[in-house]
Amino acid sequence: MIQKLGFKANDRLLIINADDFGITKGTNEAIVNLFRENSITSTSIMIPCSDSNEAMEISNQNGIKNIGIHLTLTSGEWNPYTPVFNTRTLNSLVAANGYFHTDVTLLERNADEDEVRMEMEAQIQSAILQGIDPTHLDSHAGSIMGLFTGRDFLEPALDLCEKYRLPFNLPERIVEQPLFNTEQLNLFQKRITSAKERKICLIDDIISLPYCFNPIIEYSKIKKQLTELLKSLKPGITQLTIHPSKITDQLITITSCYKEREMEYRLLKDMDIKRLIHNEQIKLLSWRDIRDLQRSM
């Protein structure tokens, strides 16, 4: 795929993707600022979040086109979400209070696959109706990946990728990760094969920083870790997954990891990191580039 995008086979390509667009107004502001500074190449939006409408509105106002759908089927501990699909209640996806479960295990065990499909498509359609041309699909909190019980919802997600002609964020090198057991690795390989048979484009790898650890790591140490991650990039297409935000009262209310999000925001603006990417001859890429290639094949 790299060569079809106009690059050499041994080039290192990097998508810098800001997750959780729409989760708070401070997150929206941070992500828009990063786009203006060319510090990120993509974002993925959480449609069930209360500030996703604002995120889409300011994206349209600022001409931001690189927006994927962060398929969301679970609530945060302090920030509950309700389904976007509203024709009827999706009983298998929600708790008695009408909100998504906070426990991914409950989702994997109890969710009806048809209801999962309906909700995922409702999130895609909601974005399209508000002027967003999605660039890709991915999974919030790994909720469709089968990480906890082995019951995944990747096939219905791939059905939607095929229908809307979108790539999916399932890196092929996931099958090289030692933290997964044999059953999980076999499942991922099966889904990767399915995606390829459908001509759905996938990337090669994902990197990210440690997140939500206690005690909080100092900025200088986090910066060193990101430097090492970038220097060790392998040839192919890698996504750097990051969660940038400005600290606001709203962010503090919904997550205890607000300081990490603000540090990630600072890292993306850090001139040392920008110089490192340039000096390492890392080529920046967006999910829109991959989507457009997929649609041309």
Protein backbone atom coordinates (compact mmCIF):
# COMPACT_ATOMS: atom_id res chain seq x y z
CA MET A 1 0.00 0.00 0.00
CA ILE A 2 2.89 2.37 0.75
CA GLN A 3 4.06 2.38 -2.83
CA LYS A 4 0.54 2.97 -4.12
CA LEU A 5 0.52 6.08 -1.93
CA GLY A 6 3.67 7.28 -3.69
CA PHE A 7 6.25 6.34 -1.08
CA LYS A 8 9.20 3.92 -1.01
CA ALA A 9 8.78 0.47 0.49
CA ASN A 10 11.11 1.24 3.42
CA ASP A 11 9.67 4.69 4.24
CA ARG A 12 8.32 5.28 7.72
CA LEU A 13 4.90 6.90 7.55
CA LEU A 14 3.13 8.32 10.58
CA ILE A 15 -0.51 9.16 11.21
CA ILE A 16 -0.82 11.41 14.27
CA ASN A 17 -4.40 10.77 15.36
CA ALA A 18 -6.10 12.71 18.14
CA ASP A 19 -8.66 10.44 19.77
CA ASP A 20 -11.82 11.48 21.61
CA PHE A 21 -12.79 14.53 19.55
CA GLY A 22 -16.07 15.75 21.03
CA ILE A 23 -15.52 14.52 24.59
CA THR A 24 -15.21 18.06 26.03
CA LYS A 25 -15.08 21.62 24.74
CA GLY A 26 -11.45 21.87 25.90
CA THR A 27 -10.61 18.77 23.88
CA ASN A 28 -12.31 20.26 20.82
CA GLU A 29 -10.35 23.49 21.18
CA ALA A 30 -7.06 21.63 21.56
CA ILE A 31 -7.65 19.44 18.51
CA VAL A 32 -8.68 22.35 16.29
CA ASN A 33 -5.57 24.26 17.39
CA LEU A 34 -3.38 21.26 16.58
CA PHE A 35 -4.89 21.02 13.10
CA ARG A 36 -4.21 24.72 12.53
CA GLU A 37 -0.57 24.18 13.51
CA ASN A 38 -0.26 21.02 11.36
CA SER A 39 0.66 19.14 14.55
CA ILE A 40 -1.79 16.29 13.92
CA THR A 41 -2.94 14.66 10.71
CA SER A 42 -6.21 13.03 11.80
CA THR A 43 -8.78 12.82 14.55
CA SER A 44 -11.57 10.44 15.52
CA ILE A 45 -14.84 11.71 16.94
CA MET A 46 -17.01 10.21 19.69
CA ILE A 47 -20.50 10.90 18.38
CA PRO A 48 -22.40 9.96 21.60
CA CYS A 49 -20.53 12.66 23.57
CA SER A 50 -22.39 15.84 24.44
CA ASP A 51 -19.81 18.08 22.76
CA SER A 52 -19.55 16.14 19.50
CA ASN A 53 -22.04 18.47 17.81
CA GLU A 54 -19.80 21.41 18.65
CA ALA A 55 -16.79 19.46 17.38
CA MET A 56 -18.46 18.88 14.02
CA GLU A 57 -19.67 22.47 13.80
CA ILE A 58 -16.24 23.98 14.37
CA SER A 59 -14.69 21.42 12.02
CA ASN A 60 -16.99 22.56 9.25
CA GLN A 61 -16.23 26.20 10.06
CA ASN A 62 -12.48 25.57 9.95
CA GLY A 63 -12.45 23.27 6.92
CA ILE A 64 -11.18 20.26 8.90
CA LYS A 65 -11.65 17.17 6.73
CA ASN A 66 -9.60 14.48 8.45
CA ILE A 67 -12.19 13.08 10.85
CA GLY A 68 -12.89 9.41 11.49
CA ILE A 69 -15.54 7.80 13.68
CA HIS A 70 -14.41 6.61 17.12
CA LEU A 71 -17.09 3.93 17.45
CA THR A 72 -18.32 4.22 21.03
CA LEU A 73 -20.30 1.48 22.76
CA THR A 74 -19.32 2.01 26.40
CA SER A 75 -19.56 4.84 28.92
CA GLY A 76 -16.74 6.32 30.95
CA GLU A 77 -16.85 5.86 34.70
CA TRP A 78 -17.85 9.50 35.25
CA ASN A 79 -19.20 10.38 31.82
CA PRO A 80 -22.15 8.19 30.76
CA TYR A 81 -23.33 8.10 27.15
CA THR A 82 -26.59 7.03 25.57
CA PRO A 83 -26.91 5.38 22.15
CA VAL A 84 -27.23 7.56 19.06
CA PHE A 85 -29.72 5.11 17.54
CA ASN A 86 -33.12 6.24 18.81
CA THR A 87 -35.75 4.39 16.80
CA ARG A 88 -36.08 1.95 19.68
CA THR A 89 -34.19 1.04 22.83
CA LEU A 90 -31.11 -1.09 22.23
CA ASN A 91 -31.66 -3.18 25.34
CA SER A 92 -28.57 -5.34 25.00
CA LEU A 93 -26.26 -2.31 24.88
CA VAL A 94 -27.51 -0.34 27.86
CA ALA A 95 -27.90 -0.70 31.60
CA ALA A 96 -31.18 -0.13 33.44
CA ASN A 97 -30.49 3.63 33.51
CA GLY A 98 -30.42 3.78 29.70
CA TYR A 99 -26.69 4.48 29.45
CA PHE A 100 -24.01 2.33 27.83
CA HIS A 101 -22.30 -0.07 30.22
CA THR A 102 -19.02 1.10 31.73
CA ASP A 103 -17.68 -2.47 31.74
CA VAL A 104 -16.55 -3.70 28.32
CA THR A 105 -16.89 -7.28 29.56
CA LEU A 106 -20.65 -6.78 29.99
CA LEU A 107 -20.86 -5.44 26.45
CA GLU A 108 -18.97 -8.38 24.97
CA ARG A 109 -21.07 -10.93 26.83
CA ASN A 110 -24.51 -9.39 26.40
CA ALA A 111 -24.60 -7.28 23.23
CA ASP A 112 -26.77 -8.40 20.35
CA GLU A 113 -24.71 -8.18 17.17
CA ASP A 114 -27.54 -6.60 15.19
CA GLU A 115 -27.94 -3.91 17.84
CA VAL A 116 -24.18 -3.28 17.77
CA ARG A 117 -24.39 -2.86 14.01
CA MET A 118 -27.38 -0.49 14.27
CA GLU A 119 -25.64 1.72 16.81
CA MET A 120 -22.35 1.85 14.91
CA GLU A 121 -24.12 2.80 11.71
CA ALA A 122 -26.20 5.43 13.53
CA GLN A 123 -22.96 7.06 14.67
CA ILE A 124 -21.60 7.10 11.12
CA GLN A 125 -24.85 8.46 9.74
CA SER A 126 -25.06 11.16 12.41
CA ALA A 127 -21.65 12.46 11.36
CA ILE A 128 -22.52 12.38 7.67
CA LEU A 129 -25.78 14.25 8.27
CA GLN A 130 -23.79 16.99 9.99
CA GLY A 131 -21.42 17.49 7.08
CA ILE A 132 -18.62 15.11 8.03
CA ASP A 133 -17.15 12.83 5.35
CA PRO A 134 -15.61 10.12 7.59
CA THR A 135 -12.05 9.05 6.88
CA HIS A 136 -11.96 5.79 8.84
CA LEU A 137 -13.49 3.75 11.64
CA ASP A 138 -11.87 2.76 14.91
CA SER A 139 -12.94 1.50 18.32
CA HIS A 140 -13.19 3.51 21.52
CA ALA A 141 -11.73 1.62 24.50
CA GLY A 142 -11.31 -1.47 22.32
CA SER A 143 -14.99 -2.18 22.84
CA ILE A 144 -15.46 -4.12 19.59
CA MET A 145 -12.10 -5.91 19.66
CA GLY A 146 -12.99 -8.87 21.89
CA LEU A 147 -10.16 -8.09 24.31
CA PHE A 148 -11.90 -9.27 27.48
CA THR A 149 -13.96 -12.35 26.66
CA GLY A 150 -12.88 -13.12 23.10
CA ARG A 151 -16.27 -12.14 21.65
CA ASP A 152 -15.60 -9.35 19.19
CA PHE A 153 -17.73 -7.22 16.86
CA LEU A 154 -15.14 -6.61 14.19
CA GLU A 155 -17.06 -8.33 11.39
CA PRO A 156 -20.07 -5.95 11.59
CA ALA A 157 -17.59 -3.06 11.77
CA LEU A 158 -15.90 -4.36 8.63
CA ASP A 159 -19.34 -4.69 7.00
CA LEU A 160 -19.77 -0.95 7.58
CA CYS A 161 -16.27 -0.23 6.28
CA GLU A 162 -17.23 -2.05 3.11
CA LYS A 163 -20.57 -0.24 2.85
CA TYR A 164 -19.13 3.25 3.38
CA ARG A 165 -15.80 2.50 1.67
CA LEU A 166 -13.70 3.26 4.74
CA PRO A 167 -10.46 1.83 6.15
CA PHE A 168 -10.41 0.39 9.66
CA ASN A 169 -7.90 0.93 12.43
CA LEU A 170 -6.75 -2.65 12.97
CA PRO A 171 -2.94 -2.76 12.62
CA GLU A 172 -1.53 -5.83 10.96
CA ARG A 173 1.33 -6.06 13.45
CA ILE A 174 -1.16 -6.64 16.26
CA VAL A 175 -0.54 -10.34 15.64
CA GLU A 176 3.08 -9.81 16.77
CA GLN A 177 2.08 -8.45 20.20
CA PRO A 178 3.14 -10.73 23.08
CA LEU A 179 0.45 -9.39 25.43
CA PHE A 180 -2.31 -11.29 23.59
CA ASN A 181 -2.95 -15.00 23.98
CA THR A 182 -3.03 -17.49 21.11
CA GLU A 183 -6.81 -17.38 20.82
CA GLN A 184 -6.81 -13.58 20.54
CA LEU A 185 -4.00 -13.59 17.99
CA ASN A 186 -5.86 -16.13 15.87
CA LEU A 187 -8.99 -13.98 16.04
CA PHE A 188 -7.10 -10.87 14.92
CA GLN A 189 -5.48 -12.76 12.05
CA LYS A 190 -8.89 -13.97 10.94
CA ARG A 191 -10.28 -10.42 10.95
CA ILE A 192 -7.22 -9.05 9.13
CA THR A 193 -7.71 -11.69 6.44
CA SER A 194 -11.40 -10.77 6.20
CA ALA A 195 -10.54 -7.08 5.76
CA LYS A 196 -8.03 -7.84 3.02
CA GLU A 197 -10.51 -10.04 1.17
CA ARG A 198 -12.94 -7.09 1.20
CA LYS A 199 -10.17 -4.69 0.02
CA ILE A 200 -10.46 -2.69 3.26
CA CYS A 201 -7.18 -0.90 3.89
CA LEU A 202 -5.38 -1.46 7.19
CA ILE A 203 -2.28 0.14 8.67
CA ASP A 204 0.80 -1.68 9.92
CA ASP A 205 1.22 -0.59 13.52
CA ILE A 206 0.02 1.58 16.42
CA ILE A 207 2.09 3.30 19.09
CA SER A 208 0.94 5.22 22.14
CA LEU A 209 2.23 6.62 25.39
CA PRO A 210 1.52 5.20 28.86
CA TYR A 211 -1.83 6.57 29.95
CA CYS A 212 -3.57 7.06 33.27
CA PHE A 213 -0.83 5.79 35.56
CA ASN A 214 -0.33 6.78 39.18
CA PRO A 215 1.88 8.56 40.02
CA ILE A 216 1.81 10.78 36.95
CA ILE A 217 5.01 10.66 34.90
CA GLU A 218 6.89 13.94 34.56
CA TYR A 219 6.68 15.79 31.23
CA SER A 220 10.40 15.32 30.53
CA LYS A 221 10.10 11.55 30.97
CA ILE A 222 6.98 11.34 28.79
CA LYS A 223 8.80 13.41 26.15
CA LYS A 224 11.74 11.00 26.27
CA GLN A 225 9.41 8.04 25.84
CA LEU A 226 7.76 9.64 22.80
CA THR A 227 11.20 10.41 21.36
CA GLU A 228 12.20 6.76 21.70
CA LEU A 229 8.92 5.57 20.14
CA LEU A 230 9.41 7.82 17.13
CA LYS A 231 13.04 6.88 16.64
CA SER A 232 12.16 3.18 16.68
CA LEU A 233 9.35 3.39 14.09
CA LYS A 234 9.46 0.55 11.61
CA PRO A 235 8.91 0.92 7.85
CA GLY A 236 5.23 1.05 6.97
CA ILE A 237 2.27 3.03 8.23
CA THR A 238 2.08 3.59 11.99
CA GLN A 239 -0.53 5.53 13.94
CA LEU A 240 0.49 7.53 16.98
CA THR A 241 -2.65 7.47 19.12
CA ILE A 242 -2.87 10.48 21.40
CA HIS A 243 -5.54 12.15 23.56
CA PRO A 244 -4.80 15.90 23.58
CA SER A 245 -6.90 18.32 25.57
CA LYS A 246 -6.81 21.57 27.43
CA ILE A 247 -7.51 21.17 31.13
CA THR A 248 -10.96 22.46 31.99
CA ASP A 249 -13.35 21.91 34.88
CA GLN A 250 -15.37 19.75 32.51
CA LEU A 251 -12.38 17.50 31.75
CA ILE A 252 -11.51 17.17 35.45
CA THR A 253 -15.11 16.14 36.12
CA ILE A 254 -15.09 13.24 33.65
CA THR A 255 -11.58 11.77 33.97
CA SER A 256 -8.84 11.47 36.57
CA CYS A 257 -6.32 11.41 33.70
CA TYR A 258 -6.70 15.05 32.73
CA LYS A 259 -3.04 15.91 33.39
CA GLU A 260 -1.87 13.23 30.95
CA ARG A 261 -4.20 14.61 28.27
CA GLU A 262 -2.83 18.11 28.74
CA MET A 263 0.76 16.78 28.57
CA GLU A 264 -0.01 15.00 25.31
CA TYR A 265 -1.36 18.28 23.97
CA ARG A 266 1.89 20.01 24.91
CA LEU A 267 3.97 17.23 23.37
CA LEU A 268 2.33 17.67 19.97
CA LYS A 269 3.14 21.38 20.08
CA ASP A 270 6.72 20.79 21.28
CA MET A 271 9.23 22.02 18.68
CA ASP A 272 11.73 19.34 19.73
CA ILE A 273 9.22 16.64 18.77
CA LYS A 274 8.47 18.36 15.47
CA ARG A 275 12.20 18.63 14.69
CA LEU A 276 12.69 14.98 15.59
CA ILE A 277 10.01 13.87 13.12
CA HIS A 278 11.68 15.97 10.44
CA ASN A 279 15.23 14.83 11.27
CA GLU A 280 14.19 11.17 11.37
CA GLN A 281 12.71 11.61 7.87
CA ILE A 282 9.35 10.35 9.08
CA LYS A 283 6.66 11.12 6.51
CA LEU A 284 3.31 12.34 7.83
CA LEU A 285 0.14 10.77 6.49
CA SER A 286 -3.59 11.04 7.19
CA TRP A 287 -6.40 8.52 7.26
CA ARG A 288 -7.99 10.51 4.46
CA ASP A 289 -5.03 9.60 2.22
CA ILE A 290 -5.66 5.93 2.96
CA ARG A 291 -9.42 6.23 2.48
CA ASP A 292 -8.97 7.95 -0.88
CA LEU A 293 -6.57 5.24 -2.00
CA GLN A 294 -9.06 2.54 -0.94
CA ARG A 295 -11.83 4.23 -2.88
CA SER A 296 -9.63 4.43 -5.99
CA MET A 297 -8.81 0.70 -5.99
